[in-house]
C-alpha atoms as a PDB file:
ATOM      1  CA  MET A   1      77.070 298.537 127.786  1.00  0.00           C
ATOM      2  CA  THR A   2      74.211 296.901 129.648  1.00  0.00           C
ATOM      3  CA  GLN A   3      73.178 294.928 126.581  1.00  0.00           C
ATOM      4  CA  LEU A   4      76.786 293.829 125.948  1.00  0.00           C
ATOM      5  CA  SER A   5      77.266 292.607 129.509  1.00  0.00           C
ATOM      6  CA  ALA A   6      73.984 290.736 129.351  1.00  0.00           C
ATOM      7  CA  ARG A   7      75.137 288.914 126.248  1.00  0.00           C
ATOM      8  CA  THR A   8      78.513 287.920 127.679  1.00  0.00           C
ATOM      9  CA  ASP A   9      77.208 286.632 131.033  1.00  0.00           C
ATOM     10  CA  PRO A  10      77.262 282.794 131.239  1.00  0.00           C
ATOM     11  CA  ALA A  11      73.942 281.038 131.111  1.00  0.00           C
ATOM     12  CA  PRO A  12      72.664 279.684 134.430  1.00  0.00           C
ATOM     13  CA  PRO A  13      72.900 275.905 134.903  1.00  0.00           C
ATOM     14  CA  GLU A  14      69.859 273.898 133.936  1.00  0.00           C
ATOM     15  CA  PRO A  15      67.780 272.740 136.905  1.00  0.00           C
ATOM     16  CA  THR A  16      67.752 269.052 137.720  1.00  0.00           C
ATOM     17  CA  SER A  17      64.674 267.321 136.370  1.00  0.00           C
ATOM     18  CA  ARG A  18      62.145 265.946 138.804  1.00  0.00           C
ATOM     19  CA  ARG A  19      62.742 262.392 137.602  1.00  0.00           C
ATOM     20  CA  VAL A  20      66.510 262.613 138.190  1.00  0.00           C
ATOM     21  CA  ALA A  21      65.929 264.137 141.616  1.00  0.00           C
ATOM     22  CA  TRP A  22      63.523 261.318 142.485  1.00  0.00           C
ATOM     23  CA  GLU A  23      65.992 258.664 141.307  1.00  0.00           C
ATOM     24  CA  ARG A  24      68.796 260.165 143.387  1.00  0.00           C
ATOM     25  CA  ALA A  25      66.553 260.219 146.456  1.00  0.00           C
ATOM     26  CA  THR A  26      65.327 256.627 146.028  1.00  0.00           C
ATOM     27  CA  ASN A  27      68.515 254.827 144.919  1.00  0.00           C
ATOM     28  CA  ILE A  28      69.387 253.597 148.410  1.00  0.00           C
ATOM     29  CA  PRO A  29      65.814 252.627 149.457  1.00  0.00           C
ATOM     30  CA  MET A  30      65.282 250.679 146.224  1.00  0.00           C
ATOM     31  CA  GLY A  31      68.591 248.893 146.725  1.00  0.00           C
ATOM     32  CA  VAL A  32      67.504 247.934 150.255  1.00  0.00           C
ATOM     33  CA  LEU A  33      64.226 246.619 148.843  1.00  0.00           C
ATOM     34  CA  ALA A  34      66.106 244.526 146.269  1.00  0.00           C
ATOM     35  CA  ALA A  35      68.250 243.028 149.050  1.00  0.00           C
ATOM     36  CA  ALA A  36      65.090 242.389 151.105  1.00  0.00           C
ATOM     37  CA  PHE A  37      63.526 240.593 148.150  1.00  0.00           C
ATOM     38  CA  LEU A  38      66.578 238.326 147.868  1.00  0.00           C
ATOM     39  CA  GLY A  39      66.317 237.537 151.564  1.00  0.00           C
ATOM     40  CA  VAL A  40      62.612 236.740 151.303  1.00  0.00           C
ATOM     41  CA  TYR A  41      63.217 234.602 148.230  1.00  0.00           C
ATOM     42  CA  ALA A  42      65.976 232.616 149.982  1.00  0.00           C
ATOM     43  CA  TRP A  43      63.807 232.185 153.083  1.00  0.00           C
ATOM     44  CA  HIS A  44      60.874 231.026 150.986  1.00  0.00           C
ATOM     45  CA  VAL A  45      62.977 228.390 149.234  1.00  0.00           C
ATOM     46  CA  LEU A  46      65.131 227.093 152.094  1.00  0.00           C
ATOM     47  CA  ASP A  47      62.384 226.867 154.711  1.00  0.00           C
ATOM     48  CA  THR A  48      60.776 223.724 153.319  1.00  0.00           C
ATOM     49  CA  GLY A  49      58.785 223.091 156.488  1.00  0.00           C
ATOM     50  CA  ALA A  50      57.221 226.542 156.691  1.00  0.00           C
ATOM     51  CA  SER A  51      53.665 226.770 157.935  1.00  0.00           C
ATOM     52  CA  PRO A  52      50.899 227.986 155.589  1.00  0.00           C
ATOM     53  CA  VAL A  53      50.723 231.238 157.545  1.00  0.00           C
ATOM     54  CA  LEU A  54      54.456 231.938 157.087  1.00  0.00           C
ATOM     55  CA  ASP A  55      54.268 230.916 153.439  1.00  0.00           C
ATOM     56  CA  ALA A  56      51.380 233.313 152.866  1.00  0.00           C
ATOM     57  CA  TRP A  57      53.254 236.098 154.690  1.00  0.00           C
ATOM     58  CA  LEU A  58      56.385 235.632 152.569  1.00  0.00           C
ATOM     59  CA  THR A  59      54.266 235.613 149.423  1.00  0.00           C
ATOM     60  CA  GLY A  60      52.638 238.848 150.540  1.00  0.00           C
ATOM     61  CA  VAL A  61      56.025 240.485 151.097  1.00  0.00           C
ATOM     62  CA  ASP A  62      57.095 239.322 147.652  1.00  0.00           C
ATOM     63  CA  ILE A  63      54.013 240.861 146.043  1.00  0.00           C
ATOM     64  CA  GLY A  64      54.419 244.041 148.104  1.00  0.00           C
ATOM     65  CA  ILE A  65      58.005 244.585 146.947  1.00  0.00           C
ATOM     66  CA  TRP A  66      56.937 243.985 143.356  1.00  0.00           C
ATOM     67  CA  ALA A  67      54.145 246.565 143.783  1.00  0.00           C
ATOM     68  CA  ILE A  68      56.606 249.133 145.177  1.00  0.00           C
ATOM     69  CA  PHE A  69      58.956 248.671 142.219  1.00  0.00           C
ATOM     70  CA  ALA A  70      56.015 248.939 139.816  1.00  0.00           C
ATOM     71  CA  ALA A  71      54.798 252.153 141.487  1.00  0.00           C
ATOM     72  CA  ASP A  72      58.328 253.603 141.405  1.00  0.00           C
ATOM     73  CA  PHE A  73      58.634 252.810 137.698  1.00  0.00           C
ATOM     74  CA  LEU A  74      55.246 254.334 136.857  1.00  0.00           C
ATOM     75  CA  LEU A  75      56.032 257.441 138.906  1.00  0.00           C
ATOM     76  CA  ARG A  76      59.356 257.940 137.152  1.00  0.00           C
ATOM     77  CA  LEU A  77      57.627 257.414 133.827  1.00  0.00           C
ATOM     78  CA  GLY A  78      55.119 260.121 134.725  1.00  0.00           C
ATOM     79  CA  LEU A  79      57.881 262.541 135.785  1.00  0.00           C
ATOM     80  CA  SER A  80      59.840 261.957 132.588  1.00  0.00           C
ATOM     81  CA  THR A  81      59.447 264.508 129.803  1.00  0.00           C
ATOM     82  CA  ARG A  82      60.391 261.936 127.113  1.00  0.00           C
ATOM     83  CA  ARG A  83      58.360 258.894 128.074  1.00  0.00           C
ATOM     84  CA  TRP A  84      59.054 256.745 125.020  1.00  0.00           C
ATOM     85  CA  HIS A  85      62.767 257.345 125.416  1.00  0.00           C
ATOM     86  CA  PHE A  86      62.467 256.430 129.095  1.00  0.00           C
ATOM     87  CA  LEU A  87      60.756 253.125 128.227  1.00  0.00           C
ATOM     88  CA  ARG A  88      63.389 252.252 125.636  1.00  0.00           C
ATOM     89  CA  SER A  89      66.288 253.123 127.922  1.00  0.00           C
ATOM     90  CA  HIS A  90      64.986 251.163 130.957  1.00  0.00           C
ATOM     91  CA  PRO A  91      64.199 247.653 129.655  1.00  0.00           C
ATOM     92  CA  LEU A  92      65.125 245.874 132.890  1.00  0.00           C
ATOM     93  CA  GLU A  93      62.695 247.853 135.000  1.00  0.00           C
ATOM     94  CA  LEU A  94      59.971 247.429 132.408  1.00  0.00           C
ATOM     95  CA  LEU A  95      60.444 243.647 132.569  1.00  0.00           C
ATOM     96  CA  ILE A  96      60.278 243.752 136.377  1.00  0.00           C
ATOM     97  CA  VAL A  97      56.902 245.487 136.171  1.00  0.00           C
ATOM     98  CA  LEU A  98      55.531 243.272 133.406  1.00  0.00           C
ATOM     99  CA  LEU A  99      56.536 239.978 135.045  1.00  0.00           C
ATOM    100  CA  PRO A 100      53.781 238.903 137.462  1.00  0.00           C
ATOM    101  CA  PRO A 101      54.818 237.899 141.013  1.00  0.00           C
ATOM    102  CA  VAL A 102      54.351 234.166 140.533  1.00  0.00           C
ATOM    103  CA  ARG A 103      56.596 231.375 141.764  1.00  0.00           C
ATOM    104  CA  PRO A 104      58.224 230.212 138.484  1.00  0.00           C
ATOM    105  CA  LEU A 105      59.397 233.745 137.697  1.00  0.00           C
ATOM    106  CA  ARG A 106      60.915 234.628 141.060  1.00  0.00           C
ATOM    107  CA  LEU A 107      64.454 233.801 139.928  1.00  0.00           C
ATOM    108  CA  LEU A 108      64.169 236.012 136.861  1.00  0.00           C
ATOM    109  CA  ARG A 109      62.711 238.879 138.848  1.00  0.00           C
ATOM    110  CA  ALA A 110      65.433 238.552 141.491  1.00  0.00           C
ATOM    111  CA  ALA A 111      68.162 238.709 138.836  1.00  0.00           C
ATOM    112  CA  LEU A 112      66.498 241.706 137.182  1.00  0.00           C
ATOM    113  CA  LEU A 113      66.208 243.523 140.508  1.00  0.00           C
ATOM    114  CA  VAL A 114      69.910 243.054 141.209  1.00  0.00           C
ATOM    115  CA  LEU A 115      70.944 244.127 137.705  1.00  0.00           C
ATOM    116  CA  ASP A 116      68.707 247.175 137.889  1.00  0.00           C
ATOM    117  CA  THR A 117      70.133 248.153 141.278  1.00  0.00           C
ATOM    118  CA  LEU A 118      73.691 247.928 139.923  1.00  0.00           C
ATOM    119  CA  ASN A 119      72.688 249.762 136.764  1.00  0.00           C
ATOM    120  CA  ARG A 120      71.426 252.752 138.736  1.00  0.00           C
ATOM    121  CA  SER A 121      74.821 253.382 140.320  1.00  0.00           C
ATOM    122  CA  LYS A 122      77.590 254.697 138.087  1.00  0.00           C
ATOM    123  CA  LEU A 123      80.464 252.246 138.174  1.00  0.00           C
ATOM    124  CA  THR A 124      84.041 253.319 137.796  1.00  0.00           C
ATOM    125  CA  ARG A 125      86.672 251.033 136.370  1.00  0.00           C
ATOM    126  CA  ALA A 126      88.248 250.552 139.775  1.00  0.00           C
ATOM    127  CA  ARG A 127      84.988 249.155 141.168  1.00  0.00           C
ATOM    128  CA  LEU A 128      83.956 247.229 138.077  1.00  0.00           C
ATOM    129  CA  SER A 129      85.902 244.071 138.904  1.00  0.00           C
ATOM    130  CA  VAL A 130      84.437 243.981 142.410  1.00  0.00           C
ATOM    131  CA  PHE A 131      80.887 244.335 141.112  1.00  0.00           C
ATOM    132  CA  VAL A 132      81.450 241.687 138.448  1.00  0.00           C
ATOM    133  CA  GLY A 133      82.771 239.294 141.072  1.00  0.00           C
ATOM    134  CA  VAL A 134      79.800 239.990 143.344  1.00  0.00           C
ATOM    135  CA  CYS A 135      77.393 239.457 140.430  1.00  0.00           C
ATOM    136  CA  SER A 136      79.055 236.144 139.592  1.00  0.00           C
ATOM    137  CA  LEU A 137      78.658 234.892 143.158  1.00  0.00           C
ATOM    138  CA  LEU A 138      75.087 236.177 143.233  1.00  0.00           C
ATOM    139  CA  VAL A 139      74.186 234.348 140.022  1.00  0.00           C
ATOM    140  CA  VAL A 140      75.572 231.102 141.450  1.00  0.00           C
ATOM    141  CA  PHE A 141      73.619 231.619 144.687  1.00  0.00           C
ATOM    142  CA  LEU A 142      70.338 232.483 142.948  1.00  0.00           C
ATOM    143  CA  CYS A 143      70.582 229.598 140.516  1.00  0.00           C
ATOM    144  CA  SER A 144      71.333 227.159 143.327  1.00  0.00           C
ATOM    145  CA  LEU A 145      68.252 228.438 145.167  1.00  0.00           C
ATOM    146  CA  ALA A 146      66.125 228.084 142.054  1.00  0.00           C
ATOM    147  CA  MET A 147      67.485 224.606 141.365  1.00  0.00           C
ATOM    148  CA  PHE A 148      66.694 223.454 144.895  1.00  0.00           C
ATOM    149  CA  ASP A 149      63.225 225.002 144.643  1.00  0.00           C
ATOM    150  CA  ALA A 150      62.560 223.192 141.360  1.00  0.00           C
ATOM    151  CA  GLU A 151      64.036 219.810 142.243  1.00  0.00           C
ATOM    152  CA  TYR A 152      62.970 219.438 145.872  1.00  0.00           C
ATOM    153  CA  GLY A 153      60.398 216.679 146.203  1.00  0.00           C
ATOM    154  CA  ALA A 154      60.537 215.636 142.526  1.00  0.00           C
ATOM    155  CA  ALA A 155      60.581 211.963 141.609  1.00  0.00           C
ATOM    156  CA  ASP A 156      64.117 210.570 141.080  1.00  0.00           C
ATOM    157  CA  ALA A 157      65.596 213.954 142.003  1.00  0.00           C
ATOM    158  CA  LYS A 158      69.383 214.049 142.292  1.00  0.00           C
ATOM    159  CA  VAL A 159      69.409 217.412 144.091  1.00  0.00           C
ATOM    160  CA  ARG A 160      67.942 216.680 147.521  1.00  0.00           C
ATOM    161  CA  ASN A 161      69.221 219.605 149.611  1.00  0.00           C
ATOM    162  CA  PHE A 162      70.639 223.084 149.163  1.00  0.00           C
ATOM    163  CA  GLY A 163      74.218 221.830 149.487  1.00  0.00           C
ATOM    164  CA  ASP A 164      73.711 219.598 146.465  1.00  0.00           C
ATOM    165  CA  ALA A 165      72.231 222.524 144.537  1.00  0.00           C
ATOM    166  CA  LEU A 166      75.118 224.819 145.461  1.00  0.00           C
ATOM    167  CA  TRP A 167      77.681 222.187 144.440  1.00  0.00           C
ATOM    168  CA  TRP A 168      75.847 221.685 141.138  1.00  0.00           C
ATOM    169  CA  ALA A 169      75.860 225.447 140.483  1.00  0.00           C
ATOM    170  CA  VAL A 170      79.604 225.805 141.149  1.00  0.00           C
ATOM    171  CA  VAL A 171      80.462 222.767 139.022  1.00  0.00           C
ATOM    172  CA  SER A 172      78.222 223.921 136.185  1.00  0.00           C
ATOM    173  CA  VAL A 173      79.370 227.547 136.099  1.00  0.00           C
ATOM    174  CA  THR A 174      83.016 226.482 135.971  1.00  0.00           C
ATOM    175  CA  THR A 175      82.244 224.103 133.058  1.00  0.00           C
ATOM    176  CA  VAL A 176      83.621 221.114 134.986  1.00  0.00           C
ATOM    177  CA  GLY A 177      80.450 219.064 134.818  1.00  0.00           C
ATOM    178  CA  TYR A 178      81.053 215.969 136.967  1.00  0.00           C
ATOM    179  CA  GLY A 179      77.531 214.737 136.263  1.00  0.00           C
ATOM    180  CA  ASP A 180      76.840 213.610 139.838  1.00  0.00           C
ATOM    181  CA  TYR A 181      73.988 216.136 140.134  1.00  0.00           C
ATOM    182  CA  TYR A 182      71.724 217.203 137.293  1.00  0.00           C
ATOM    183  CA  PRO A 183      68.154 218.490 136.954  1.00  0.00           C
ATOM    184  CA  VAL A 184      65.292 216.120 136.205  1.00  0.00           C
ATOM    185  CA  THR A 185      62.458 218.661 135.998  1.00  0.00           C
ATOM    186  CA  THR A 186      61.683 221.098 133.210  1.00  0.00           C
ATOM    187  CA  GLU A 187      61.960 224.061 135.552  1.00  0.00           C
ATOM    188  CA  GLY A 188      65.338 222.842 136.780  1.00  0.00           C
ATOM    189  CA  ARG A 189      66.631 222.509 133.232  1.00  0.00           C
ATOM    190  CA  LEU A 190      65.556 226.066 132.493  1.00  0.00           C
ATOM    191  CA  VAL A 191      67.492 227.198 135.564  1.00  0.00           C
ATOM    192  CA  ALA A 192      70.524 225.292 134.265  1.00  0.00           C
ATOM    193  CA  LEU A 193      70.172 227.076 130.930  1.00  0.00           C
ATOM    194  CA  VAL A 194      70.127 230.456 132.692  1.00  0.00           C
ATOM    195  CA  LEU A 195      73.196 229.557 134.745  1.00  0.00           C
ATOM    196  CA  MET A 196      75.157 228.293 131.746  1.00  0.00           C
ATOM    197  CA  THR A 197      74.299 231.408 129.715  1.00  0.00           C
ATOM    198  CA  PHE A 198      74.869 234.143 132.264  1.00  0.00           C
ATOM    199  CA  GLY A 199      77.477 232.351 134.375  1.00  0.00           C
ATOM    200  CA  ILE A 200      79.934 231.754 131.561  1.00  0.00           C
ATOM    201  CA  GLY A 201      79.436 235.329 130.357  1.00  0.00           C
ATOM    202  CA  LEU A 202      80.119 236.796 133.796  1.00  0.00           C
ATOM    203  CA  ILE A 203      83.188 234.638 134.377  1.00  0.00           C
ATOM    204  CA  SER A 204      84.563 235.501 130.937  1.00  0.00           C
ATOM    205  CA  PHE A 205      83.955 239.184 131.634  1.00  0.00           C
ATOM    206  CA  ALA A 206      85.651 238.901 135.020  1.00  0.00           C
ATOM    207  CA  ILE A 207      88.675 237.184 133.457  1.00  0.00           C
ATOM    208  CA  GLY A 208      88.853 239.815 130.706  1.00  0.00           C
ATOM    209  CA  THR A 209      88.583 242.670 133.216  1.00  0.00           C
ATOM    210  CA  THR A 210      91.301 241.159 135.399  1.00  0.00           C
ATOM    211  CA  THR A 211      93.567 240.617 132.397  1.00  0.00           C
ATOM    212  CA  SER A 212      93.019 244.206 131.269  1.00  0.00           C
ATOM    213  CA  TRP A 213      93.876 245.457 134.766  1.00  0.00           C
ATOM    214  CA  VAL A 214      97.089 243.404 134.846  1.00  0.00           C
ATOM    215  CA  ILE A 215      98.097 244.713 131.396  1.00  0.00           C
ATOM    216  CA  ASP A 216      97.455 248.290 132.531  1.00  0.00           C
ATOM    217  CA  GLN A 217      99.610 247.747 135.610  1.00  0.00           C
ATOM    218  CA  LEU A 218     102.433 246.346 133.468  1.00  0.00           C
ATOM    219  CA  LYS A 219     102.164 249.327 131.133  1.00  0.00           C
ATOM    220  CA  THR A 220     102.381 251.664 134.109  1.00  0.00           C
ATOM    221  CA  VAL A 221     105.501 249.870 135.371  1.00  0.00           C
ATOM    222  CA  GLU A 222     107.076 249.979 131.900  1.00  0.00           C
ATOM    223  CA  GLU A 223     106.339 253.703 131.512  1.00  0.00           C
ATOM    224  CA  SER A 224     107.817 254.371 134.960  1.00  0.00           C
ATOM    225  CA  ALA A 225     110.929 252.363 134.050  1.00  0.00           C
ATOM    226  CA  GLU A 226     111.301 254.287 130.781  1.00  0.00           C
ATOM    227  CA  ARG A 227     111.020 257.615 132.604  1.00  0.00           C
ATOM    228  CA  THR A 228     113.615 256.446 135.113  1.00  0.00           C
ATOM    229  CA  ASP A 229     115.986 255.388 132.318  1.00  0.00           C
ATOM    230  CA  LEU A 230     115.602 258.789 130.640  1.00  0.00           C
ATOM    231  CA  GLU A 231     116.315 260.626 133.876  1.00  0.00           C
ATOM    232  CA  VAL A 232     119.353 258.431 134.572  1.00  0.00           C
ATOM    233  CA  GLY A 233     120.614 259.070 131.011  1.00  0.00           C
ATOM    234  CA  ARG A 234     120.271 262.826 131.491  1.00  0.00           C
ATOM    235  CA  LEU A 235     122.150 262.665 134.796  1.00  0.00           C
ATOM    236  CA  VAL A 236     124.954 260.662 133.168  1.00  0.00           C
ATOM    237  CA  GLU A 237     125.243 263.230 130.381  1.00  0.00           C
ATOM    238  CA  GLU A 238     125.368 266.065 132.910  1.00  0.00           C
ATOM    239  CA  ILE A 239     128.063 264.246 134.916  1.00  0.00           C
ATOM    240  CA  ARG A 240     130.135 263.730 131.767  1.00  0.00           C
ATOM    241  CA  ALA A 241     129.773 267.398 130.873  1.00  0.00           C
ATOM    242  CA  LEU A 242     130.878 268.405 134.372  1.00  0.00           C
ATOM    243  CA  ARG A 243     133.889 266.081 134.179  1.00  0.00           C
ATOM    244  CA  THR A 244     134.853 267.550 130.833  1.00  0.00           C
ATOM    245  CA  GLU A 245     134.543 271.071 132.213  1.00  0.00           C
ATOM    246  CA  VAL A 246     136.608 270.240 135.314  1.00  0.00           C
ATOM    247  CA  ALA A 247     139.273 268.578 133.187  1.00  0.00           C
ATOM    248  CA  GLY A 248     139.415 271.660 130.971  1.00  0.00           C
ATOM    249  CA  LEU A 249     139.823 273.929 133.985  1.00  0.00           C
ATOM    250  CA  ARG A 250     142.694 271.813 135.324  1.00  0.00           C
ATOM    251  CA  GLY A 251     144.571 271.842 132.016  1.00  0.00           C
ATOM    252  CA  ALA A 252     144.125 275.608 131.337  1.00  0.00           C
ATOM    253  CA  PRO A 253     147.326 277.892 131.547  1.00  0.00           C
ATOM    254  CA  GLU A 254     147.662 279.974 134.674  1.00  0.00           C
ATOM    255  CA  SER A 255     146.841 283.676 134.240  1.00  0.00           C
ATOM    256  CA  PRO A 256     149.407 286.355 135.363  1.00  0.00           C
ATOM    257  CA  ASP A 257     146.934 287.902 137.805  1.00  0.00           C
ATOM    258  CA  ALA A 258     146.406 284.636 139.704  1.00  0.00           C
ATOM    259  CA  PRO A 259     147.633 284.624 143.334  1.00  0.00           C
ATOM    260  CA  ARG A 260     150.933 282.784 143.836  1.00  0.00           C
ATOM    261  CA  THR A 261     150.306 281.014 147.091  1.00  0.00           C
ATOM    262  CA  VAL A 262     153.100 278.536 146.415  1.00  0.00           C
ATOM    263  CA  LEU A 263     155.814 281.189 147.006  1.00  0.00           C
ATOM    264  CA  MET A 264     154.651 281.972 150.547  1.00  0.00           C
ATOM    265  CA  SER A 265     157.276 279.577 151.987  1.00  0.00           C
ATOM    266  CA  ALA A 266     160.196 281.285 150.205  1.00  0.00           C
ATOM    267  CA  PRO A 267     161.094 283.927 152.929  1.00  0.00           C
ATOM    268  CA  HIS A 268     161.181 281.250 155.588  1.00  0.00           C
ATOM    269  CA  SER A 269     163.728 279.189 153.656  1.00  0.00           C
ATOM    270  CA  THR A 270     165.896 282.355 153.001  1.00  0.00           C
ATOM    271  CA  VAL A 271     166.069 283.266 156.693  1.00  0.00           C
ATOM    272  CA  GLN A 272     167.280 279.800 157.594  1.00  0.00           C
ATOM    273  CA  GLN A 273     170.122 280.055 155.064  1.00  0.00           C
ATOM    274  CA  ASP A 274     171.347 283.386 156.476  1.00  0.00           C
END
């Protein structure tokens, strides 16, 4: 009996791996670091009159955040039991580590940090549209920063301030293309290529997600209307059956044992005649 009960007992749940436990514990701090990197990047670009000391400090913070992400990636790789599988399944983080913290690559690293932060959190369908919308706005903001960083101070530059860069990004991502602002540097044209590639994809995905949500809502309304019609049809059938039953009871012959309440007034009329 002891052996039989030992065989039928459910197996204990598998313990959480050290890598998964580390990722759960560091999701929020790494997200805060990604947001801090975006803030430092925006400060570095928009503060065109920064002193050499401030510029060196911002560069140091940039390198420090990159070093923290690299250390986190290497630590998770060391905690993983299937390291090759971990490398293949985390390409964004591998690119973040491999890209050196130099100025021309700050836009790409910022985009990768944001995508990696969103990839760590499991998104439900209800939150997917919100995240896609936030990513679309973030891509426009990052590309406008990168465009201003690339075009500021260039000869014959059309983009002379951040407002011009932001207007260019909005016009370009919506495929309007007025042509009043355009890049004149090689770095700026590469930024435009990134915006046109990822921006159109994100907007198309957002439109598709919104359309799918609207279709699902219409299907829900149609299913509710069909259920209501079925219930109303059943009620109508029941009412018809009740009417038929009541009509049958009214037209049925009176039984001899039924009480004759109609004759109760007969003695009264007899007494008056006497």
